[in-house]
Amino acid sequence: MRTLVTGGAGFIGSHIVRRLLELGHAVRVLDDFSTGSRDNLAEVSSDVEITAGDVRDADALERVANGCEVIFHEAAIVSVPYSIEHPMESHAVNVVGTLNTLEVARRVGARRVVFASSAAVYGAEPTLPKVESMLPAPISPYGVEKLTCEHYLAAWAHLFGVETVALRYFNVFGPRQDPSSPYSGVISVFVDRLLAGRGVTFFGDGRQTRDFVYAGDVAEANVLAASARGVSGRAYNVACGRETSLLDLATMIGDAVGRPVVRTFEPARVGDIARSSADIGRARDELGYAPAVTVEEGLRRLVAARRA
């Protein structure tokens, strides 16, 4: 199967690329390298067709998508704070880029688009765990953009027969997540600081919770979503199904690194939510998704990769 991964040089995209190659698929990558890096694909670059380009450029996207059966659409601005500070740019990349991807998929005859959505669509509604049937209530431009894209996906599936699947990622972590990037997740930042012998900073009281999921499991969810039958137009939570506080997370990382954790606290950030955990029953039942890596094991793998 010939595939295209937009944003394939990024953190999650590079994991999807590797999993597709392991399964024997042909892989093309489109990335503007604004946050992704060629280094993320260095080990597999001879097996991948890599094109520098922006998903806002529909012509460039169509050229690289031609002949592809499945498009994994990962290219995005993924920072909630950045979307608050730069909503027009975030909208252009996340919404217009996704609409371009859907239109290109229709024109080139791609069978399916698998889209990187986000738990941000749920917003701050306190009911836990999050279930896909809940009414979305995003509280940031980023969350609004991802929800808008989900509606476009469902509409294109209904109107034009382009099969679409939206995967609502919770808090993804693993190797190749850049701790120096403003887009980086809390785990990569904490690991980097502890490996450097520094303390960690909590924005708020540290009792915020997240549902952390290892990047390899996210890649597997994408592969499953590309081939599952009867799922077009639907959205799925991709998580571990486990709630972990940031305080507990810091302790686990300290154990993996082998160092005590010095904690400092700053005021909570605008747009952050207090608690998050996912019900992954729909993904398990309809996609066959089952996370294989626990948070603790994922942290050990990440620490080992960073040390290497």
C-alpha atoms as a PDB file:
ATOM      1  CA  MET A   1       0.000   0.000   0.000  1.00  0.00           C
ATOM      2  CA  ARG A   2       1.336   3.453  -0.911  1.00  0.00           C
ATOM      3  CA  THR A   3       0.822   5.975   1.885  1.00  0.00           C
ATOM      4  CA  LEU A   4       1.437   9.651   2.600  1.00  0.00           C
ATOM      5  CA  VAL A   5       2.214  11.005   6.055  1.00  0.00           C
ATOM      6  CA  THR A   6       1.866  14.774   6.298  1.00  0.00           C
ATOM      7  CA  GLY A   7       4.055  16.051   9.098  1.00  0.00           C
ATOM      8  CA  GLY A   8       5.940  12.770   8.811  1.00  0.00           C
ATOM      9  CA  ALA A   9       9.210  14.275  10.046  1.00  0.00           C
ATOM     10  CA  GLY A  10       7.576  15.300  13.310  1.00  0.00           C
ATOM     11  CA  PHE A  11       7.442  13.483  16.609  1.00  0.00           C
ATOM     12  CA  ILE A  12       4.320  11.359  16.104  1.00  0.00           C
ATOM     13  CA  GLY A  13       4.561  11.328  12.321  1.00  0.00           C
ATOM     14  CA  SER A  14       8.018   9.732  12.427  1.00  0.00           C
ATOM     15  CA  HIS A  15       6.666   6.910  14.594  1.00  0.00           C
ATOM     16  CA  ILE A  16       3.861   6.322  12.076  1.00  0.00           C
ATOM     17  CA  VAL A  17       6.398   6.273   9.229  1.00  0.00           C
ATOM     18  CA  ARG A  18       8.465   3.612  10.963  1.00  0.00           C
ATOM     19  CA  ARG A  19       5.467   1.436  11.726  1.00  0.00           C
ATOM     20  CA  LEU A  20       4.276   1.615   8.122  1.00  0.00           C
ATOM     21  CA  LEU A  21       7.724   0.626   6.886  1.00  0.00           C
ATOM     22  CA  GLU A  22       7.817  -2.298   9.325  1.00  0.00           C
ATOM     23  CA  LEU A  23       4.594  -3.544   7.765  1.00  0.00           C
ATOM     24  CA  GLY A  24       6.033  -3.283   4.250  1.00  0.00           C
ATOM     25  CA  HIS A  25       4.108  -0.235   3.022  1.00  0.00           C
ATOM     26  CA  ALA A  26       5.520   2.409   0.667  1.00  0.00           C
ATOM     27  CA  VAL A  27       5.745   5.745   2.466  1.00  0.00           C
ATOM     28  CA  ARG A  28       5.888   9.337   1.295  1.00  0.00           C
ATOM     29  CA  VAL A  29       6.373  12.256   3.670  1.00  0.00           C
ATOM     30  CA  LEU A  30       5.370  15.895   3.265  1.00  0.00           C
ATOM     31  CA  ASP A  31       6.781  18.225   5.914  1.00  0.00           C
ATOM     32  CA  ASP A  32       7.699  21.897   6.020  1.00  0.00           C
ATOM     33  CA  PHE A  33      10.283  21.178   8.758  1.00  0.00           C
ATOM     34  CA  SER A  34       9.088  24.080  10.881  1.00  0.00           C
ATOM     35  CA  THR A  35       8.938  21.749  13.880  1.00  0.00           C
ATOM     36  CA  GLY A  36       9.761  18.371  12.351  1.00  0.00           C
ATOM     37  CA  SER A  37      13.339  17.373  11.623  1.00  0.00           C
ATOM     38  CA  ARG A  38      15.078  15.304   8.972  1.00  0.00           C
ATOM     39  CA  ASP A  39      16.996  13.742  11.857  1.00  0.00           C
ATOM     40  CA  ASN A  40      13.767  12.042  12.943  1.00  0.00           C
ATOM     41  CA  LEU A  41      13.831  10.078   9.678  1.00  0.00           C
ATOM     42  CA  ALA A  42      17.579   9.691   9.298  1.00  0.00           C
ATOM     43  CA  GLU A  43      17.587   5.951   9.992  1.00  0.00           C
ATOM     44  CA  VAL A  44      14.888   5.283   7.377  1.00  0.00           C
ATOM     45  CA  SER A  45      15.477   8.095   4.885  1.00  0.00           C
ATOM     46  CA  SER A  46      16.585   5.715   2.122  1.00  0.00           C
ATOM     47  CA  ASP A  47      13.230   3.933   2.365  1.00  0.00           C
ATOM     48  CA  VAL A  48      11.019   7.041   2.355  1.00  0.00           C
ATOM     49  CA  GLU A  49      10.183   9.639  -0.294  1.00  0.00           C
ATOM     50  CA  ILE A  50      10.579  12.944   1.559  1.00  0.00           C
ATOM     51  CA  THR A  51       9.236  16.204   0.131  1.00  0.00           C
ATOM     52  CA  ALA A  52       9.580  19.643   1.715  1.00  0.00           C
ATOM     53  CA  GLY A  53       6.220  21.377   1.503  1.00  0.00           C
ATOM     54  CA  ASP A  54       3.352  23.014   3.368  1.00  0.00           C
ATOM     55  CA  VAL A  55      -0.160  21.564   3.676  1.00  0.00           C
ATOM     56  CA  ARG A  56      -1.483  25.066   2.993  1.00  0.00           C
ATOM     57  CA  ASP A  57      -0.113  24.630  -0.551  1.00  0.00           C
ATOM     58  CA  ALA A  58      -2.770  22.444  -2.186  1.00  0.00           C
ATOM     59  CA  ASP A  59      -0.802  21.996  -5.418  1.00  0.00           C
ATOM     60  CA  ALA A  60       2.290  20.709  -3.618  1.00  0.00           C
ATOM     61  CA  LEU A  61       0.110  18.449  -1.499  1.00  0.00           C
ATOM     62  CA  GLU A  62      -1.617  17.021  -4.568  1.00  0.00           C
ATOM     63  CA  ARG A  63       1.669  16.260  -6.305  1.00  0.00           C
ATOM     64  CA  VAL A  64       2.947  14.181  -3.409  1.00  0.00           C
ATOM     65  CA  ALA A  65      -0.429  12.537  -2.670  1.00  0.00           C
ATOM     66  CA  ASN A  66      -0.990  11.330  -6.225  1.00  0.00           C
ATOM     67  CA  GLY A  67      -1.161   7.534  -6.246  1.00  0.00           C
ATOM     68  CA  CYS A  68      -1.484   7.173  -2.470  1.00  0.00           C
ATOM     69  CA  GLU A  69      -4.187   4.953  -1.035  1.00  0.00           C
ATOM     70  CA  VAL A  70      -4.159   6.312   2.528  1.00  0.00           C
ATOM     71  CA  ILE A  71      -3.163   9.738   3.846  1.00  0.00           C
ATOM     72  CA  PHE A  72      -2.170  10.060   7.501  1.00  0.00           C
ATOM     73  CA  HIS A  73      -2.661  13.752   8.230  1.00  0.00           C
ATOM     74  CA  GLU A  74      -0.361  14.710  11.111  1.00  0.00           C
ATOM     75  CA  ALA A  75       0.824  18.146   9.965  1.00  0.00           C
ATOM     76  CA  ALA A  76      -0.420  20.772  12.421  1.00  0.00           C
ATOM     77  CA  ILE A  77       0.394  23.511  14.874  1.00  0.00           C
ATOM     78  CA  VAL A  78      -0.136  21.567  18.088  1.00  0.00           C
ATOM     79  CA  SER A  79       0.533  24.151  20.805  1.00  0.00           C
ATOM     80  CA  VAL A  80      -2.499  25.439  22.721  1.00  0.00           C
ATOM     81  CA  PRO A  81      -0.625  28.572  23.925  1.00  0.00           C
ATOM     82  CA  TYR A  82       0.562  29.289  20.374  1.00  0.00           C
ATOM     83  CA  SER A  83      -2.987  28.972  19.058  1.00  0.00           C
ATOM     84  CA  ILE A  84      -4.115  31.526  21.641  1.00  0.00           C
ATOM     85  CA  GLU A  85      -1.345  33.958  20.692  1.00  0.00           C
ATOM     86  CA  HIS A  86      -1.573  33.361  16.914  1.00  0.00           C
ATOM     87  CA  PRO A  87      -5.112  32.182  16.149  1.00  0.00           C
ATOM     88  CA  MET A  88      -5.113  33.163  12.468  1.00  0.00           C
ATOM     89  CA  GLU A  89      -1.922  31.249  11.677  1.00  0.00           C
ATOM     90  CA  SER A  90      -3.055  28.272  13.731  1.00  0.00           C
ATOM     91  CA  HIS A  91      -6.387  28.235  11.896  1.00  0.00           C
ATOM     92  CA  ALA A  92      -4.688  28.404   8.509  1.00  0.00           C
ATOM     93  CA  VAL A  93      -2.386  25.472   9.192  1.00  0.00           C
ATOM     94  CA  ASN A  94      -4.817  23.306  11.122  1.00  0.00           C
ATOM     95  CA  VAL A  95      -8.136  23.939   9.384  1.00  0.00           C
ATOM     96  CA  VAL A  96      -7.203  25.064   5.881  1.00  0.00           C
ATOM     97  CA  GLY A  97      -4.429  22.478   5.772  1.00  0.00           C
ATOM     98  CA  THR A  98      -6.899  19.739   6.686  1.00  0.00           C
ATOM     99  CA  LEU A  99      -9.468  20.946   4.164  1.00  0.00           C
ATOM    100  CA  ASN A 100      -6.740  20.904   1.514  1.00  0.00           C
ATOM    101  CA  THR A 101      -5.886  17.346   2.517  1.00  0.00           C
ATOM    102  CA  LEU A 102      -9.496  16.218   2.169  1.00  0.00           C
ATOM    103  CA  GLU A 103      -9.906  17.883  -1.215  1.00  0.00           C
ATOM    104  CA  VAL A 104      -6.636  16.428  -2.464  1.00  0.00           C
ATOM    105  CA  ALA A 105      -7.664  12.978  -1.242  1.00  0.00           C
ATOM    106  CA  ARG A 106     -10.872  13.338  -3.240  1.00  0.00           C
ATOM    107  CA  ARG A 107      -9.076  14.485  -6.379  1.00  0.00           C
ATOM    108  CA  VAL A 108      -6.379  11.794  -6.375  1.00  0.00           C
ATOM    109  CA  GLY A 109      -8.770   9.013  -5.381  1.00  0.00           C
ATOM    110  CA  ALA A 110      -7.226   8.176  -1.996  1.00  0.00           C
ATOM    111  CA  ARG A 111      -9.306   5.615  -0.159  1.00  0.00           C
ATOM    112  CA  ARG A 112      -8.991   7.000   3.380  1.00  0.00           C
ATOM    113  CA  VAL A 113      -7.710   9.938   5.422  1.00  0.00           C
ATOM    114  CA  VAL A 114      -6.648   9.239   9.019  1.00  0.00           C
ATOM    115  CA  PHE A 115      -6.583  12.520  10.930  1.00  0.00           C
ATOM    116  CA  ALA A 116      -4.690  13.528  14.077  1.00  0.00           C
ATOM    117  CA  SER A 117      -7.367  15.096  16.254  1.00  0.00           C
ATOM    118  CA  SER A 118      -7.008  15.866  19.947  1.00  0.00           C
ATOM    119  CA  ALA A 119      -8.523  15.479  23.381  1.00  0.00           C
ATOM    120  CA  ALA A 120      -8.634  19.285  23.335  1.00  0.00           C
ATOM    121  CA  VAL A 121     -12.026  18.993  21.609  1.00  0.00           C
ATOM    122  CA  TYR A 122     -13.525  18.021  24.990  1.00  0.00           C
ATOM    123  CA  GLY A 123     -12.446  21.238  26.707  1.00  0.00           C
ATOM    124  CA  ALA A 124     -12.826  21.675  30.457  1.00  0.00           C
ATOM    125  CA  GLU A 125     -16.088  19.737  30.904  1.00  0.00           C
ATOM    126  CA  PRO A 126     -15.358  17.868  34.164  1.00  0.00           C
ATOM    127  CA  THR A 127     -17.006  14.501  33.446  1.00  0.00           C
ATOM    128  CA  LEU A 128     -14.461  11.671  33.336  1.00  0.00           C
ATOM    129  CA  PRO A 129     -13.523   9.548  31.569  1.00  0.00           C
ATOM    130  CA  LYS A 130     -13.994  11.288  28.241  1.00  0.00           C
ATOM    131  CA  VAL A 131     -16.256   9.355  25.874  1.00  0.00           C
ATOM    132  CA  GLU A 132     -16.631  10.135  22.169  1.00  0.00           C
ATOM    133  CA  SER A 133     -20.400  10.575  22.553  1.00  0.00           C
ATOM    134  CA  MET A 134     -19.901  13.593  24.859  1.00  0.00           C
ATOM    135  CA  LEU A 135     -20.772  17.027  23.517  1.00  0.00           C
ATOM    136  CA  PRO A 136     -17.435  18.685  22.640  1.00  0.00           C
ATOM    137  CA  ALA A 137     -16.773  22.042  24.296  1.00  0.00           C
ATOM    138  CA  PRO A 138     -13.262  23.244  23.340  1.00  0.00           C
ATOM    139  CA  ILE A 139     -11.843  26.209  25.247  1.00  0.00           C
ATOM    140  CA  SER A 140      -8.866  27.087  23.013  1.00  0.00           C
ATOM    141  CA  PRO A 141      -8.462  27.967  19.343  1.00  0.00           C
ATOM    142  CA  TYR A 142      -6.527  24.715  18.920  1.00  0.00           C
ATOM    143  CA  GLY A 143      -9.423  22.668  20.283  1.00  0.00           C
ATOM    144  CA  VAL A 144     -11.911  24.554  18.108  1.00  0.00           C
ATOM    145  CA  GLU A 145      -9.733  23.906  15.065  1.00  0.00           C
ATOM    146  CA  LYS A 146      -9.492  20.177  15.703  1.00  0.00           C
ATOM    147  CA  LEU A 147     -13.242  19.907  16.222  1.00  0.00           C
ATOM    148  CA  THR A 148     -13.869  21.897  13.040  1.00  0.00           C
ATOM    149  CA  CYS A 149     -11.648  19.475  11.164  1.00  0.00           C
ATOM    150  CA  GLU A 150     -13.556  16.502  12.559  1.00  0.00           C
ATOM    151  CA  HIS A 151     -16.768  17.983  11.149  1.00  0.00           C
ATOM    152  CA  TYR A 152     -15.103  18.470   7.774  1.00  0.00           C
ATOM    153  CA  LEU A 153     -13.940  14.846   7.815  1.00  0.00           C
ATOM    154  CA  ALA A 154     -17.441  13.567   8.556  1.00  0.00           C
ATOM    155  CA  ALA A 155     -18.925  15.809   5.850  1.00  0.00           C
ATOM    156  CA  TRP A 156     -16.412  14.682   3.197  1.00  0.00           C
ATOM    157  CA  ALA A 157     -17.113  11.058   4.076  1.00  0.00           C
ATOM    158  CA  HIS A 158     -20.841  11.681   3.683  1.00  0.00           C
ATOM    159  CA  LEU A 159     -20.733  13.900   0.599  1.00  0.00           C
ATOM    160  CA  PHE A 160     -17.870  12.528  -1.442  1.00  0.00           C
ATOM    161  CA  GLY A 161     -17.217   8.995  -0.230  1.00  0.00           C
ATOM    162  CA  VAL A 162     -13.716   9.782   1.056  1.00  0.00           C
ATOM    163  CA  GLU A 163     -13.318   7.446   4.024  1.00  0.00           C
ATOM    164  CA  THR A 164     -12.168   9.371   7.096  1.00  0.00           C
ATOM    165  CA  VAL A 165     -11.190   8.503  10.654  1.00  0.00           C
ATOM    166  CA  ALA A 166     -10.358  11.027  13.396  1.00  0.00           C
ATOM    167  CA  LEU A 167      -8.094   9.922  16.244  1.00  0.00           C
ATOM    168  CA  ARG A 168      -8.359  12.036  19.376  1.00  0.00           C
ATOM    169  CA  TYR A 169      -4.864  11.872  20.824  1.00  0.00           C
ATOM    170  CA  PHE A 170      -4.499  12.410  24.525  1.00  0.00           C
ATOM    171  CA  ASN A 171      -1.008  13.147  25.924  1.00  0.00           C
ATOM    172  CA  VAL A 172       1.474  11.442  23.641  1.00  0.00           C
ATOM    173  CA  PHE A 173       5.077  10.865  24.725  1.00  0.00           C
ATOM    174  CA  GLY A 174       8.122   8.941  23.578  1.00  0.00           C
ATOM    175  CA  PRO A 175      11.469   9.223  21.765  1.00  0.00           C
ATOM    176  CA  ARG A 176      12.054  12.069  19.293  1.00  0.00           C
ATOM    177  CA  GLN A 177       9.854  14.561  21.138  1.00  0.00           C
ATOM    178  CA  ASP A 178      11.986  17.697  21.320  1.00  0.00           C
ATOM    179  CA  PRO A 179      12.116  18.972  24.936  1.00  0.00           C
ATOM    180  CA  SER A 180      13.363  22.394  23.783  1.00  0.00           C
ATOM    181  CA  SER A 181      10.343  22.973  21.562  1.00  0.00           C
ATOM    182  CA  PRO A 182       7.370  25.078  22.730  1.00  0.00           C
ATOM    183  CA  TYR A 183       5.252  22.269  21.271  1.00  0.00           C
ATOM    184  CA  SER A 184       6.805  19.670  23.554  1.00  0.00           C
ATOM    185  CA  GLY A 185       4.825  17.691  26.106  1.00  0.00           C
ATOM    186  CA  VAL A 186       5.383  17.780  29.839  1.00  0.00           C
ATOM    187  CA  ILE A 187       7.073  14.370  29.912  1.00  0.00           C
ATOM    188  CA  SER A 188       9.887  15.245  27.518  1.00  0.00           C
ATOM    189  CA  VAL A 189      10.481  18.515  29.398  1.00  0.00           C
ATOM    190  CA  PHE A 190      10.584  16.778  32.787  1.00  0.00           C
ATOM    191  CA  VAL A 191      12.880  14.007  31.517  1.00  0.00           C
ATOM    192  CA  ASP A 192      15.283  16.496  29.955  1.00  0.00           C
ATOM    193  CA  ARG A 193      15.466  18.587  33.110  1.00  0.00           C
ATOM    194  CA  LEU A 194      15.986  15.608  35.418  1.00  0.00           C
ATOM    195  CA  LEU A 195      18.686  14.122  33.175  1.00  0.00           C
ATOM    196  CA  ALA A 196      20.444  17.506  33.379  1.00  0.00           C
ATOM    197  CA  GLY A 197      20.246  17.428  37.186  1.00  0.00           C
ATOM    198  CA  ARG A 198      17.657  20.211  37.352  1.00  0.00           C
ATOM    199  CA  GLY A 199      14.277  20.434  39.034  1.00  0.00           C
ATOM    200  CA  VAL A 200      10.835  20.572  37.428  1.00  0.00           C
ATOM    201  CA  THR A 201       8.257  23.350  37.414  1.00  0.00           C
ATOM    202  CA  PHE A 202       4.521  22.821  37.780  1.00  0.00           C
ATOM    203  CA  PHE A 203       2.058  25.378  36.439  1.00  0.00           C
ATOM    204  CA  GLY A 204      -0.600  25.140  39.131  1.00  0.00           C
ATOM    205  CA  ASP A 205      -0.551  22.728  42.059  1.00  0.00           C
ATOM    206  CA  GLY A 206       0.625  19.670  40.125  1.00  0.00           C
ATOM    207  CA  ARG A 207      -2.568  17.775  40.820  1.00  0.00           C
ATOM    208  CA  GLN A 208      -3.655  18.186  37.212  1.00  0.00           C
ATOM    209  CA  THR A 209      -4.077  14.812  35.564  1.00  0.00           C
ATOM    210  CA  ARG A 210      -3.471  13.575  32.048  1.00  0.00           C
ATOM    211  CA  ASP A 211      -3.900  10.320  30.156  1.00  0.00           C
ATOM    212  CA  PHE A 212      -0.406   9.644  28.797  1.00  0.00           C
ATOM    213  CA  VAL A 213       0.008   7.334  25.801  1.00  0.00           C
ATOM    214  CA  TYR A 214       3.227   6.035  24.268  1.00  0.00           C
ATOM    215  CA  ALA A 215       3.970   7.158  20.703  1.00  0.00           C
ATOM    216  CA  GLY A 216       4.359   3.585  19.460  1.00  0.00           C
ATOM    217  CA  ASP A 217       0.802   2.833  20.559  1.00  0.00           C
ATOM    218  CA  VAL A 218      -0.415   5.950  18.734  1.00  0.00           C
ATOM    219  CA  ALA A 219       1.330   4.766  15.565  1.00  0.00           C
ATOM    220  CA  GLU A 220      -0.376   1.398  15.896  1.00  0.00           C
ATOM    221  CA  ALA A 221      -3.755   3.101  16.326  1.00  0.00           C
ATOM    222  CA  ASN A 222      -3.154   4.936  13.040  1.00  0.00           C
ATOM    223  CA  VAL A 223      -2.333   1.715  11.211  1.00  0.00           C
ATOM    224  CA  LEU A 224      -5.461   0.059  12.590  1.00  0.00           C
ATOM    225  CA  ALA A 225      -7.582   3.078  11.642  1.00  0.00           C
ATOM    226  CA  ALA A 226      -6.330   2.852   8.066  1.00  0.00           C
ATOM    227  CA  SER A 227      -7.796  -0.591   7.501  1.00  0.00           C
ATOM    228  CA  ALA A 228     -10.699  -1.091   9.937  1.00  0.00           C
ATOM    229  CA  ARG A 229     -14.052  -1.634   8.265  1.00  0.00           C
ATOM    230  CA  GLY A 230     -17.243   0.289   8.974  1.00  0.00           C
ATOM    231  CA  VAL A 231     -15.550   3.170  10.804  1.00  0.00           C
ATOM    232  CA  SER A 232     -15.582   5.987   8.242  1.00  0.00           C
ATOM    233  CA  GLY A 233     -16.716   9.346   9.570  1.00  0.00           C
ATOM    234  CA  ARG A 234     -16.123   8.391  13.200  1.00  0.00           C
ATOM    235  CA  ALA A 235     -13.811   9.665  15.955  1.00  0.00           C
ATOM    236  CA  TYR A 236     -11.843   7.606  18.466  1.00  0.00           C
ATOM    237  CA  ASN A 237      -9.978   8.318  21.688  1.00  0.00           C
ATOM    238  CA  VAL A 238      -6.342   7.218  21.594  1.00  0.00           C
ATOM    239  CA  ALA A 239      -4.941   6.969  25.111  1.00  0.00           C
ATOM    240  CA  CYS A 240      -3.972   4.471  27.786  1.00  0.00           C
ATOM    241  CA  GLY A 241      -7.257   4.831  29.641  1.00  0.00           C
ATOM    242  CA  ARG A 242      -5.400   5.767  32.839  1.00  0.00           C
ATOM    243  CA  GLU A 243      -5.355   9.045  34.770  1.00  0.00           C
ATOM    244  CA  THR A 244      -1.953  10.187  36.083  1.00  0.00           C
ATOM    245  CA  SER A 245      -1.282  13.362  38.073  1.00  0.00           C
ATOM    246  CA  LEU A 246       1.695  15.523  37.170  1.00  0.00           C
ATOM    247  CA  LEU A 247       3.041  15.093  40.694  1.00  0.00           C
ATOM    248  CA  ASP A 248       2.957  11.311  40.323  1.00  0.00           C
ATOM    249  CA  LEU A 249       4.422  11.630  36.845  1.00  0.00           C
ATOM    250  CA  ALA A 250       7.430  13.537  38.186  1.00  0.00           C
ATOM    251  CA  THR A 251       7.992  10.819  40.777  1.00  0.00           C
ATOM    252  CA  MET A 252       7.869   8.100  38.098  1.00  0.00           C
ATOM    253  CA  ILE A 253      10.331   9.991  35.924  1.00  0.00           C
ATOM    254  CA  GLY A 254      12.607  10.475  38.909  1.00  0.00           C
ATOM    255  CA  ASP A 255      12.530   6.711  39.477  1.00  0.00           C
ATOM    256  CA  ALA A 256      13.334   6.058  35.796  1.00  0.00           C
ATOM    257  CA  VAL A 257      16.208   8.559  35.850  1.00  0.00           C
ATOM    258  CA  GLY A 258      17.418   7.503  39.294  1.00  0.00           C
ATOM    259  CA  ARG A 259      17.391  10.982  40.805  1.00  0.00           C
ATOM    260  CA  PRO A 260      15.236  12.813  43.374  1.00  0.00           C
ATOM    261  CA  VAL A 261      12.871  15.445  42.001  1.00  0.00           C
ATOM    262  CA  VAL A 262      13.105  19.091  43.102  1.00  0.00           C
ATOM    263  CA  ARG A 263       9.709  20.722  42.548  1.00  0.00           C
ATOM    264  CA  THR A 264       8.811  24.383  42.051  1.00  0.00           C
ATOM    265  CA  PHE A 265       5.397  25.868  41.317  1.00  0.00           C
ATOM    266  CA  GLU A 266       4.189  28.699  39.093  1.00  0.00           C
ATOM    267  CA  PRO A 267       0.670  30.082  38.426  1.00  0.00           C
ATOM    268  CA  ALA A 268      -1.593  27.952  36.237  1.00  0.00           C
ATOM    269  CA  ARG A 269      -1.602  28.764  32.520  1.00  0.00           C
ATOM    270  CA  VAL A 270      -4.601  30.054  30.580  1.00  0.00           C
ATOM    271  CA  GLY A 271      -6.267  27.300  28.566  1.00  0.00           C
ATOM    272  CA  ASP A 272      -4.962  24.376  30.632  1.00  0.00           C
ATOM    273  CA  ILE A 273      -7.498  21.861  31.935  1.00  0.00           C
ATOM    274  CA  ALA A 274      -7.531  20.345  35.418  1.00  0.00           C
ATOM    275  CA  ARG A 275      -8.123  16.662  34.719  1.00  0.00           C
ATOM    276  CA  SER A 276      -8.179  14.359  31.722  1.00  0.00           C
ATOM    277  CA  SER A 277      -8.653  10.648  31.127  1.00  0.00           C
ATOM    278  CA  ALA A 278     -10.135   8.662  28.270  1.00  0.00           C
ATOM    279  CA  ASP A 279     -12.537   5.818  27.752  1.00  0.00           C
ATOM    280  CA  ILE A 280     -10.888   3.789  24.972  1.00  0.00           C
ATOM    281  CA  GLY A 281     -13.688   1.248  24.613  1.00  0.00           C
ATOM    282  CA  ARG A 282     -14.799   2.426  21.169  1.00  0.00           C
ATOM    283  CA  ALA A 283     -11.257   2.226  19.762  1.00  0.00           C
ATOM    284  CA  ARG A 284     -10.791  -1.201  21.314  1.00  0.00           C
ATOM    285  CA  ASP A 285     -14.073  -2.570  19.978  1.00  0.00           C
ATOM    286  CA  GLU A 286     -14.086  -1.005  16.497  1.00  0.00           C
ATOM    287  CA  LEU A 287     -10.385  -0.588  15.643  1.00  0.00           C
ATOM    288  CA  GLY A 288      -8.887  -3.402  17.681  1.00  0.00           C
ATOM    289  CA  TYR A 289      -6.724  -0.900  19.556  1.00  0.00           C
ATOM    290  CA  ALA A 290      -5.055  -2.040  22.771  1.00  0.00           C
ATOM    291  CA  PRO A 291      -2.174   0.029  24.219  1.00  0.00           C
ATOM    292  CA  ALA A 292       0.823  -2.231  24.751  1.00  0.00           C
ATOM    293  CA  VAL A 293       3.166   0.104  26.657  1.00  0.00           C
ATOM    294  CA  THR A 294       2.443   1.307  30.196  1.00  0.00           C
ATOM    295  CA  VAL A 295       3.405   4.797  31.299  1.00  0.00           C
ATOM    296  CA  GLU A 296       6.188   3.384  33.475  1.00  0.00           C
ATOM    297  CA  GLU A 297       7.633   1.262  30.653  1.00  0.00           C
ATOM    298  CA  GLY A 298       7.323   4.133  28.212  1.00  0.00           C
ATOM    299  CA  LEU A 299       9.234   6.390  30.584  1.00  0.00           C
ATOM    300  CA  ARG A 300      12.015   3.816  30.905  1.00  0.00           C
ATOM    301  CA  ARG A 301      12.257   3.609  27.103  1.00  0.00           C
ATOM    302  CA  LEU A 302      12.277   7.377  26.750  1.00  0.00           C
ATOM    303  CA  VAL A 303      15.001   7.832  29.381  1.00  0.00           C
ATOM    304  CA  ALA A 304      17.112   5.145  27.716  1.00  0.00           C
ATOM    305  CA  ALA A 305      16.667   6.825  24.317  1.00  0.00           C
ATOM    306  CA  ARG A 306      17.607  10.247  25.685  1.00  0.00           C
ATOM    307  CA  ARG A 307      20.712   8.828  27.369  1.00  0.00           C
ATOM    308  CA  ALA A 308      21.716   7.076  24.170  1.00  0.00           C
END
